[in-house]
């Protein structure tokens, strides 16, 4: 009786062991099939992160956008407050190493082919006009052999006008009124192709459009200015300033170059030659 019981127990144990091995084998096969059909979550996350990074880079301002551009609202010691509708108010400081340029009167006879010109027609003139008598003509030298596409926005092309590397300034109210001077007026913005008497032919370009030839006549009431080297004494309330530099943690821009211009129709807008402030 004892021998029969022992033999039966061994048979039961062997059967149980075989069943357990079969279950383990089936489980292992099922796990392998599930693993091969599942995309690792880390790969999907990496792809999403890559797309986000690309989007963030595209949203960034242009590398050549000024750190501050607009109306000079206040001057104290070696710091000015620059206001624009786009950027609010930004403090701009300067030192003995800062380069300044200012706009000074010039004549049509001093304008030559290759110069950069920003000409505006009288208020109310057609913005699509290809021939007009100018109310203002601003002349500046080319930068790296070309005229930059500095539109009439306060912040410069491709940027918001806020300084990079610093906090958005909290002080200062946004000025009222638009930042772009000459709204609703004819504009020629580009390189001079020829000058004959009081007539200037300009290869004008706006945004990414193809250049258009525009003929600008300088009349008796036209204001002509050009860019010249200056000092910090050119910084005055009511003038327009475009500063390049780096902002600190408070948002104050330490300017390396400052370009001073006169407002157009009481407003500050972009001009050619932003990169020529150190000239």
C-alpha atoms as a PDB file:
ATOM      1  CA  UNK A   1       0.000   0.000   0.000  1.00  0.00           C
ATOM      2  CA  UNK A   2       2.833   2.360   0.869  1.00  0.00           C
ATOM      3  CA  UNK A   3       4.574   1.722  -2.465  1.00  0.00           C
ATOM      4  CA  UNK A   4       1.379   2.432  -4.436  1.00  0.00           C
ATOM      5  CA  UNK A   5       0.843   5.720  -2.612  1.00  0.00           C
ATOM      6  CA  UNK A   6       4.409   6.863  -3.238  1.00  0.00           C
ATOM      7  CA  UNK A   7       4.229   6.000  -6.934  1.00  0.00           C
ATOM      8  CA  UNK A   8       0.939   7.857  -7.299  1.00  0.00           C
ATOM      9  CA  UNK A   9       2.364  10.927  -5.546  1.00  0.00           C
ATOM     10  CA  UNK A  10       5.362  10.983  -7.897  1.00  0.00           C
ATOM     11  CA  UNK A  11       3.044  10.772 -10.913  1.00  0.00           C
ATOM     12  CA  UNK A  12       0.943  13.644  -9.621  1.00  0.00           C
ATOM     13  CA  UNK A  13       4.072  15.772  -9.009  1.00  0.00           C
ATOM     14  CA  UNK A  14       5.432  15.127 -12.512  1.00  0.00           C
ATOM     15  CA  UNK A  15       2.076  16.049 -14.082  1.00  0.00           C
ATOM     16  CA  UNK A  16       1.912  19.289 -12.098  1.00  0.00           C
ATOM     17  CA  UNK A  17       5.482  20.181 -13.076  1.00  0.00           C
ATOM     18  CA  UNK A  18       4.733  19.596 -16.768  1.00  0.00           C
ATOM     19  CA  UNK A  19       1.647  21.787 -16.592  1.00  0.00           C
ATOM     20  CA  UNK A  20       3.601  24.588 -14.951  1.00  0.00           C
ATOM     21  CA  UNK A  21       6.281  24.429 -17.669  1.00  0.00           C
ATOM     22  CA  UNK A  22       3.605  24.601 -20.363  1.00  0.00           C
ATOM     23  CA  UNK A  23       2.054  27.701 -18.777  1.00  0.00           C
ATOM     24  CA  UNK A  24       5.446  29.431 -18.533  1.00  0.00           C
ATOM     25  CA  UNK A  25       6.191  28.630 -22.203  1.00  0.00           C
ATOM     26  CA  UNK A  26       2.845  29.997 -23.390  1.00  0.00           C
ATOM     27  CA  UNK A  27       3.244  33.121 -21.286  1.00  0.00           C
ATOM     28  CA  UNK A  28       6.698  33.728 -22.688  1.00  0.00           C
ATOM     29  CA  UNK A  29       5.441  33.468 -26.269  1.00  0.00           C
ATOM     30  CA  UNK A  30       2.538  35.806 -25.596  1.00  0.00           C
ATOM     31  CA  UNK A  31       4.866  38.377 -23.993  1.00  0.00           C
ATOM     32  CA  UNK A  32       7.227  38.282 -26.995  1.00  0.00           C
ATOM     33  CA  UNK A  33       4.365  38.930 -29.423  1.00  0.00           C
ATOM     34  CA  UNK A  34       3.078  41.911 -27.394  1.00  0.00           C
ATOM     35  CA  UNK A  35       6.551  43.459 -27.140  1.00  0.00           C
ATOM     36  CA  UNK A  36       7.217  43.312 -30.887  1.00  0.00           C
ATOM     37  CA  UNK A  37       3.976  45.089 -31.790  1.00  0.00           C
ATOM     38  CA  UNK A  38       4.273  48.004 -29.335  1.00  0.00           C
ATOM     39  CA  UNK A  39       6.080  51.260 -30.218  1.00  0.00           C
ATOM     40  CA  UNK A  40       8.409  52.326 -27.402  1.00  0.00           C
ATOM     41  CA  UNK A  41       6.836  55.390 -25.740  1.00  0.00           C
ATOM     42  CA  UNK A  42      10.200  57.114 -25.528  1.00  0.00           C
ATOM     43  CA  UNK A  43      10.429  57.302 -29.348  1.00  0.00           C
ATOM     44  CA  UNK A  44       7.009  58.952 -29.654  1.00  0.00           C
ATOM     45  CA  UNK A  45       7.880  61.410 -26.903  1.00  0.00           C
ATOM     46  CA  UNK A  46      11.155  62.266 -28.617  1.00  0.00           C
ATOM     47  CA  UNK A  47       9.340  62.948 -31.883  1.00  0.00           C
ATOM     48  CA  UNK A  48       6.834  65.238 -30.178  1.00  0.00           C
ATOM     49  CA  UNK A  49       9.614  67.053 -28.389  1.00  0.00           C
ATOM     50  CA  UNK A  50      11.482  67.551 -31.637  1.00  0.00           C
ATOM     51  CA  UNK A  51       8.434  69.092 -33.265  1.00  0.00           C
ATOM     52  CA  UNK A  52       7.937  71.393 -30.305  1.00  0.00           C
ATOM     53  CA  UNK A  53      11.508  72.559 -30.463  1.00  0.00           C
ATOM     54  CA  UNK A  54      11.244  73.325 -34.141  1.00  0.00           C
ATOM     55  CA  UNK A  55       8.081  75.276 -33.569  1.00  0.00           C
ATOM     56  CA  UNK A  56       9.709  77.267 -30.803  1.00  0.00           C
ATOM     57  CA  UNK A  57      12.652  78.152 -33.015  1.00  0.00           C
ATOM     58  CA  UNK A  58      10.386  79.396 -35.793  1.00  0.00           C
ATOM     59  CA  UNK A  59       8.505  81.575 -33.401  1.00  0.00           C
ATOM     60  CA  UNK A  60      11.595  83.421 -32.301  1.00  0.00           C
ATOM     61  CA  UNK A  61      12.314  86.994 -33.313  1.00  0.00           C
ATOM     62  CA  UNK A  62      14.791  87.822 -36.068  1.00  0.00           C
ATOM     63  CA  UNK A  63      18.413  87.860 -35.022  1.00  0.00           C
ATOM     64  CA  UNK A  64      18.844  91.399 -36.360  1.00  0.00           C
ATOM     65  CA  UNK A  65      15.838  92.869 -34.567  1.00  0.00           C
ATOM     66  CA  UNK A  66      16.727  95.860 -32.358  1.00  0.00           C
ATOM     67  CA  UNK A  67      16.685  95.439 -28.581  1.00  0.00           C
ATOM     68  CA  UNK A  68      14.624  98.633 -28.301  1.00  0.00           C
ATOM     69  CA  UNK A  69      13.072 100.937 -30.866  1.00  0.00           C
ATOM     70  CA  UNK A  70      10.616 103.796 -30.446  1.00  0.00           C
ATOM     71  CA  UNK A  71      10.015 107.246 -29.009  1.00  0.00           C
ATOM     72  CA  UNK A  72      12.367 108.654 -26.370  1.00  0.00           C
ATOM     73  CA  UNK A  73      10.022 109.481 -23.479  1.00  0.00           C
ATOM     74  CA  UNK A  74      12.567 110.342 -20.782  1.00  0.00           C
ATOM     75  CA  UNK A  75      16.316 110.901 -20.383  1.00  0.00           C
ATOM     76  CA  UNK A  76      18.140 110.753 -17.039  1.00  0.00           C
ATOM     77  CA  UNK A  77      21.938 110.683 -16.811  1.00  0.00           C
ATOM     78  CA  UNK A  78      23.028 107.877 -19.170  1.00  0.00           C
ATOM     79  CA  UNK A  79      19.666 106.094 -19.415  1.00  0.00           C
ATOM     80  CA  UNK A  80      16.692 106.778 -21.674  1.00  0.00           C
ATOM     81  CA  UNK A  81      13.190 105.325 -21.665  1.00  0.00           C
ATOM     82  CA  UNK A  82      12.167 104.153 -25.146  1.00  0.00           C
ATOM     83  CA  UNK A  83       8.467 103.616 -25.859  1.00  0.00           C
ATOM     84  CA  UNK A  84       6.649 101.880 -28.703  1.00  0.00           C
ATOM     85  CA  UNK A  85       3.177 100.454 -29.112  1.00  0.00           C
ATOM     86  CA  UNK A  86       4.603  96.977 -29.725  1.00  0.00           C
ATOM     87  CA  UNK A  87       7.084  96.843 -26.834  1.00  0.00           C
ATOM     88  CA  UNK A  88       5.734  99.195 -24.188  1.00  0.00           C
ATOM     89  CA  UNK A  89       8.606 100.952 -22.399  1.00  0.00           C
ATOM     90  CA  UNK A  90      12.221  99.749 -22.283  1.00  0.00           C
ATOM     91  CA  UNK A  91      15.112 101.353 -20.390  1.00  0.00           C
ATOM     92  CA  UNK A  92      18.252 101.795 -22.510  1.00  0.00           C
ATOM     93  CA  UNK A  93      21.583 102.708 -20.928  1.00  0.00           C
ATOM     94  CA  UNK A  94      24.819 103.685 -22.643  1.00  0.00           C
ATOM     95  CA  UNK A  95      28.501 104.063 -21.843  1.00  0.00           C
ATOM     96  CA  UNK A  96      31.601 105.600 -23.373  1.00  0.00           C
ATOM     97  CA  UNK A  97      31.876 102.529 -25.628  1.00  0.00           C
ATOM     98  CA  UNK A  98      28.409 103.054 -27.177  1.00  0.00           C
ATOM     99  CA  UNK A  99      28.345 104.305 -30.791  1.00  0.00           C
ATOM    100  CA  UNK A 100      25.762 106.935 -31.778  1.00  0.00           C
ATOM    101  CA  UNK A 101      24.438 108.176 -35.085  1.00  0.00           C
ATOM    102  CA  UNK A 102      21.946 110.962 -35.729  1.00  0.00           C
ATOM    103  CA  UNK A 103      20.021 112.306 -38.691  1.00  0.00           C
ATOM    104  CA  UNK A 104      21.214 115.595 -40.142  1.00  0.00           C
ATOM    105  CA  UNK A 105      19.935 117.674 -43.076  1.00  0.00           C
ATOM    106  CA  UNK A 106      21.194 116.805 -46.542  1.00  0.00           C
ATOM    107  CA  UNK A 107      20.478 117.743 -50.166  1.00  0.00           C
ATOM    108  CA  UNK A 108      19.289 115.761 -53.153  1.00  0.00           C
ATOM    109  CA  UNK A 109      22.602 116.424 -54.890  1.00  0.00           C
ATOM    110  CA  UNK A 110      24.359 114.409 -52.173  1.00  0.00           C
ATOM    111  CA  UNK A 111      22.264 111.303 -52.882  1.00  0.00           C
ATOM    112  CA  UNK A 112      23.899 108.749 -55.169  1.00  0.00           C
ATOM    113  CA  UNK A 113      23.130 105.347 -56.667  1.00  0.00           C
ATOM    114  CA  UNK A 114      23.510 102.590 -54.101  1.00  0.00           C
ATOM    115  CA  UNK A 115      22.393 104.707 -51.153  1.00  0.00           C
ATOM    116  CA  UNK A 116      19.505 103.390 -49.079  1.00  0.00           C
ATOM    117  CA  UNK A 117      16.425 105.598 -49.030  1.00  0.00           C
ATOM    118  CA  UNK A 118      13.191 105.561 -47.054  1.00  0.00           C
ATOM    119  CA  UNK A 119      10.795 108.068 -48.648  1.00  0.00           C
ATOM    120  CA  UNK A 120       7.240 108.820 -47.594  1.00  0.00           C
ATOM    121  CA  UNK A 121       4.563 110.679 -49.478  1.00  0.00           C
ATOM    122  CA  UNK A 122       2.193 113.219 -47.926  1.00  0.00           C
ATOM    123  CA  UNK A 123      -0.446 111.907 -45.538  1.00  0.00           C
ATOM    124  CA  UNK A 124      -3.409 110.547 -47.480  1.00  0.00           C
ATOM    125  CA  UNK A 125      -1.435 109.683 -50.607  1.00  0.00           C
ATOM    126  CA  UNK A 126      -1.960 106.238 -52.108  1.00  0.00           C
ATOM    127  CA  UNK A 127       0.178 103.526 -50.503  1.00  0.00           C
ATOM    128  CA  UNK A 128       0.416 101.778 -53.890  1.00  0.00           C
ATOM    129  CA  UNK A 129       1.658 104.849 -55.758  1.00  0.00           C
ATOM    130  CA  UNK A 130       4.800 104.236 -57.797  1.00  0.00           C
ATOM    131  CA  UNK A 131       5.373 107.937 -58.506  1.00  0.00           C
ATOM    132  CA  UNK A 132       4.962 110.659 -55.875  1.00  0.00           C
ATOM    133  CA  UNK A 133       6.436 113.841 -54.426  1.00  0.00           C
ATOM    134  CA  UNK A 134       8.021 113.015 -51.090  1.00  0.00           C
ATOM    135  CA  UNK A 135       7.194 114.594 -47.771  1.00  0.00           C
ATOM    136  CA  UNK A 136      10.303 113.064 -46.197  1.00  0.00           C
ATOM    137  CA  UNK A 137      13.413 111.354 -47.551  1.00  0.00           C
ATOM    138  CA  UNK A 138      15.796 109.578 -45.175  1.00  0.00           C
ATOM    139  CA  UNK A 139      19.156 108.496 -46.594  1.00  0.00           C
ATOM    140  CA  UNK A 140      21.584 105.998 -45.059  1.00  0.00           C
ATOM    141  CA  UNK A 141      24.575 103.969 -46.278  1.00  0.00           C
ATOM    142  CA  UNK A 142      24.115 100.297 -47.194  1.00  0.00           C
ATOM    143  CA  UNK A 143      25.023  97.666 -44.613  1.00  0.00           C
ATOM    144  CA  UNK A 144      27.293  94.915 -45.937  1.00  0.00           C
ATOM    145  CA  UNK A 145      26.590  96.196 -49.435  1.00  0.00           C
ATOM    146  CA  UNK A 146      22.804  95.983 -49.191  1.00  0.00           C
ATOM    147  CA  UNK A 147      19.786  97.844 -47.892  1.00  0.00           C
ATOM    148  CA  UNK A 148      18.057  95.972 -45.094  1.00  0.00           C
ATOM    149  CA  UNK A 149      14.309  95.375 -45.145  1.00  0.00           C
ATOM    150  CA  UNK A 150      13.550  97.562 -42.151  1.00  0.00           C
ATOM    151  CA  UNK A 151       9.801  98.029 -42.275  1.00  0.00           C
ATOM    152  CA  UNK A 152       7.921 100.733 -40.466  1.00  0.00           C
ATOM    153  CA  UNK A 153       7.176  98.659 -37.399  1.00  0.00           C
ATOM    154  CA  UNK A 154       8.624  99.813 -34.101  1.00  0.00           C
ATOM    155  CA  UNK A 155      10.264  96.495 -33.308  1.00  0.00           C
ATOM    156  CA  UNK A 156      12.165  95.861 -36.499  1.00  0.00           C
ATOM    157  CA  UNK A 157      11.741  93.048 -38.978  1.00  0.00           C
ATOM    158  CA  UNK A 158      10.981  89.680 -37.576  1.00  0.00           C
ATOM    159  CA  UNK A 159      10.985  90.736 -33.904  1.00  0.00           C
ATOM    160  CA  UNK A 160       8.674  91.943 -31.201  1.00  0.00           C
ATOM    161  CA  UNK A 161      11.038  94.669 -30.066  1.00  0.00           C
ATOM    162  CA  UNK A 162      11.592  93.070 -26.657  1.00  0.00           C
ATOM    163  CA  UNK A 163      15.246  92.518 -25.713  1.00  0.00           C
ATOM    164  CA  UNK A 164      16.555  88.968 -25.679  1.00  0.00           C
ATOM    165  CA  UNK A 165      18.177  87.550 -22.591  1.00  0.00           C
ATOM    166  CA  UNK A 166      16.281  89.759 -20.147  1.00  0.00           C
ATOM    167  CA  UNK A 167      12.950  90.128 -18.448  1.00  0.00           C
ATOM    168  CA  UNK A 168      10.097  92.071 -19.995  1.00  0.00           C
ATOM    169  CA  UNK A 169      10.083  95.498 -18.311  1.00  0.00           C
ATOM    170  CA  UNK A 170       7.090  96.071 -16.070  1.00  0.00           C
ATOM    171  CA  UNK A 171       7.288  99.830 -15.787  1.00  0.00           C
ATOM    172  CA  UNK A 172       5.899 102.368 -18.210  1.00  0.00           C
ATOM    173  CA  UNK A 173       2.597 102.639 -19.953  1.00  0.00           C
ATOM    174  CA  UNK A 174       2.159 101.862 -23.613  1.00  0.00           C
ATOM    175  CA  UNK A 175       2.064 105.049 -25.660  1.00  0.00           C
ATOM    176  CA  UNK A 176      -1.117 105.835 -27.485  1.00  0.00           C
ATOM    177  CA  UNK A 177      -1.227 105.980 -31.264  1.00  0.00           C
ATOM    178  CA  UNK A 178       0.329 103.743 -33.890  1.00  0.00           C
ATOM    179  CA  UNK A 179       4.038 103.131 -34.079  1.00  0.00           C
ATOM    180  CA  UNK A 180       4.295 103.230 -37.851  1.00  0.00           C
ATOM    181  CA  UNK A 181       4.696 106.714 -39.221  1.00  0.00           C
ATOM    182  CA  UNK A 182       3.181 107.689 -42.515  1.00  0.00           C
ATOM    183  CA  UNK A 183       0.240 105.305 -42.275  1.00  0.00           C
ATOM    184  CA  UNK A 184      -1.902 105.547 -45.392  1.00  0.00           C
ATOM    185  CA  UNK A 185       0.834 107.290 -47.351  1.00  0.00           C
ATOM    186  CA  UNK A 186       2.989 106.361 -50.340  1.00  0.00           C
ATOM    187  CA  UNK A 187       6.296 104.739 -49.429  1.00  0.00           C
ATOM    188  CA  UNK A 188       9.522 103.930 -51.274  1.00  0.00           C
ATOM    189  CA  UNK A 189      11.948 101.849 -49.273  1.00  0.00           C
ATOM    190  CA  UNK A 190      15.102 100.503 -50.914  1.00  0.00           C
ATOM    191  CA  UNK A 191      18.243 101.136 -52.896  1.00  0.00           C
ATOM    192  CA  UNK A 192      18.714 104.145 -55.164  1.00  0.00           C
ATOM    193  CA  UNK A 193      19.167 103.100 -58.789  1.00  0.00           C
ATOM    194  CA  UNK A 194      19.534 106.600 -60.276  1.00  0.00           C
ATOM    195  CA  UNK A 195      19.310 110.316 -59.470  1.00  0.00           C
ATOM    196  CA  UNK A 196      18.471 113.014 -62.039  1.00  0.00           C
ATOM    197  CA  UNK A 197      17.979 116.538 -60.809  1.00  0.00           C
ATOM    198  CA  UNK A 198      15.293 116.368 -58.123  1.00  0.00           C
ATOM    199  CA  UNK A 199      14.077 112.894 -59.168  1.00  0.00           C
ATOM    200  CA  UNK A 200      15.191 109.723 -57.392  1.00  0.00           C
ATOM    201  CA  UNK A 201      14.465 106.236 -58.753  1.00  0.00           C
ATOM    202  CA  UNK A 202      14.359 103.599 -56.005  1.00  0.00           C
ATOM    203  CA  UNK A 203      14.238  99.805 -56.193  1.00  0.00           C
ATOM    204  CA  UNK A 204      11.676  99.464 -53.432  1.00  0.00           C
ATOM    205  CA  UNK A 205      10.903  96.236 -51.628  1.00  0.00           C
ATOM    206  CA  UNK A 206       8.427  95.453 -48.845  1.00  0.00           C
ATOM    207  CA  UNK A 207       8.528  92.157 -46.932  1.00  0.00           C
ATOM    208  CA  UNK A 208       9.191  89.214 -49.232  1.00  0.00           C
ATOM    209  CA  UNK A 209       7.739  90.848 -52.344  1.00  0.00           C
ATOM    210  CA  UNK A 210       9.720  91.432 -55.528  1.00  0.00           C
ATOM    211  CA  UNK A 211      11.390  94.848 -55.888  1.00  0.00           C
ATOM    212  CA  UNK A 212       9.325  97.555 -57.561  1.00  0.00           C
ATOM    213  CA  UNK A 213      10.757 100.642 -59.247  1.00  0.00           C
ATOM    214  CA  UNK A 214       9.383 103.804 -57.631  1.00  0.00           C
ATOM    215  CA  UNK A 215      10.064 107.363 -58.730  1.00  0.00           C
ATOM    216  CA  UNK A 216      10.275 109.967 -55.987  1.00  0.00           C
ATOM    217  CA  UNK A 217      10.401 113.704 -56.615  1.00  0.00           C
ATOM    218  CA  UNK A 218      11.998 116.026 -54.083  1.00  0.00           C
ATOM    219  CA  UNK A 219       9.919 119.180 -53.765  1.00  0.00           C
ATOM    220  CA  UNK A 220      10.397 122.475 -51.996  1.00  0.00           C
ATOM    221  CA  UNK A 221       8.723 121.217 -48.813  1.00  0.00           C
ATOM    222  CA  UNK A 222      10.442 117.815 -48.755  1.00  0.00           C
ATOM    223  CA  UNK A 223      12.528 117.138 -45.644  1.00  0.00           C
ATOM    224  CA  UNK A 224      15.805 115.378 -46.505  1.00  0.00           C
ATOM    225  CA  UNK A 225      18.012 113.824 -43.845  1.00  0.00           C
ATOM    226  CA  UNK A 226      20.996 111.492 -43.745  1.00  0.00           C
ATOM    227  CA  UNK A 227      22.908 109.469 -41.150  1.00  0.00           C
ATOM    228  CA  UNK A 228      25.973 110.958 -39.458  1.00  0.00           C
ATOM    229  CA  UNK A 229      28.134 110.071 -36.472  1.00  0.00           C
ATOM    230  CA  UNK A 230      26.972 111.661 -33.228  1.00  0.00           C
ATOM    231  CA  UNK A 231      27.406 111.638 -29.446  1.00  0.00           C
ATOM    232  CA  UNK A 232      25.051 110.994 -26.555  1.00  0.00           C
ATOM    233  CA  UNK A 233      24.023 114.662 -26.713  1.00  0.00           C
ATOM    234  CA  UNK A 234      21.787 113.655 -29.638  1.00  0.00           C
ATOM    235  CA  UNK A 235      19.575 111.703 -27.216  1.00  0.00           C
ATOM    236  CA  UNK A 236      16.591 113.978 -26.577  1.00  0.00           C
ATOM    237  CA  UNK A 237      12.992 113.542 -25.504  1.00  0.00           C
ATOM    238  CA  UNK A 238      10.709 113.466 -28.548  1.00  0.00           C
ATOM    239  CA  UNK A 239      13.324 111.929 -30.847  1.00  0.00           C
ATOM    240  CA  UNK A 240      13.238 108.323 -32.039  1.00  0.00           C
ATOM    241  CA  UNK A 241      15.858 105.792 -30.946  1.00  0.00           C
ATOM    242  CA  UNK A 242      16.827 102.343 -32.214  1.00  0.00           C
ATOM    243  CA  UNK A 243      19.235 100.529 -29.907  1.00  0.00           C
ATOM    244  CA  UNK A 244      21.209  97.318 -30.286  1.00  0.00           C
ATOM    245  CA  UNK A 245      22.547  95.623 -27.183  1.00  0.00           C
ATOM    246  CA  UNK A 246      21.980  93.076 -24.443  1.00  0.00           C
ATOM    247  CA  UNK A 247      19.366  93.220 -21.700  1.00  0.00           C
ATOM    248  CA  UNK A 248      20.083  92.421 -18.066  1.00  0.00           C
ATOM    249  CA  UNK A 249      17.775  90.570 -15.656  1.00  0.00           C
ATOM    250  CA  UNK A 250      15.667  93.713 -15.112  1.00  0.00           C
ATOM    251  CA  UNK A 251      15.099  94.251 -18.846  1.00  0.00           C
ATOM    252  CA  UNK A 252      17.419  97.269 -19.124  1.00  0.00           C
ATOM    253  CA  UNK A 253      19.339  97.238 -22.419  1.00  0.00           C
ATOM    254  CA  UNK A 254      23.052  98.051 -22.318  1.00  0.00           C
ATOM    255  CA  UNK A 255      23.361  99.612 -25.760  1.00  0.00           C
ATOM    256  CA  UNK A 256      26.314  98.979 -28.037  1.00  0.00           C
ATOM    257  CA  UNK A 257      24.864 101.200 -30.794  1.00  0.00           C
ATOM    258  CA  UNK A 258      22.123 103.831 -30.784  1.00  0.00           C
ATOM    259  CA  UNK A 259      20.566 105.395 -33.870  1.00  0.00           C
ATOM    260  CA  UNK A 260      18.665 108.654 -33.400  1.00  0.00           C
ATOM    261  CA  UNK A 261      16.086 109.767 -35.971  1.00  0.00           C
ATOM    262  CA  UNK A 262      13.325 112.329 -36.224  1.00  0.00           C
ATOM    263  CA  UNK A 263       9.705 111.196 -35.931  1.00  0.00           C
ATOM    264  CA  UNK A 264       7.593 111.047 -39.105  1.00  0.00           C
ATOM    265  CA  UNK A 265       4.134 112.564 -38.723  1.00  0.00           C
ATOM    266  CA  UNK A 266       4.754 112.569 -34.985  1.00  0.00           C
ATOM    267  CA  UNK A 267       5.504 108.833 -34.820  1.00  0.00           C
ATOM    268  CA  UNK A 268       8.569 106.591 -34.754  1.00  0.00           C
ATOM    269  CA  UNK A 269       9.015 103.818 -37.287  1.00  0.00           C
ATOM    270  CA  UNK A 270      11.747 101.611 -38.762  1.00  0.00           C
ATOM    271  CA  UNK A 271      14.367 102.955 -41.139  1.00  0.00           C
ATOM    272  CA  UNK A 272      17.124 101.551 -43.298  1.00  0.00           C
ATOM    273  CA  UNK A 273      20.603 101.392 -41.921  1.00  0.00           C
ATOM    274  CA  UNK A 274      19.824  99.930 -38.482  1.00  0.00           C
ATOM    275  CA  UNK A 275      23.093  98.106 -38.670  1.00  0.00           C
ATOM    276  CA  UNK A 276      24.994 101.248 -39.551  1.00  0.00           C
ATOM    277  CA  UNK A 277      24.765 102.778 -36.117  1.00  0.00           C
ATOM    278  CA  UNK A 278      28.326 101.924 -35.420  1.00  0.00           C
ATOM    279  CA  UNK A 279      29.595 103.468 -38.646  1.00  0.00           C
END
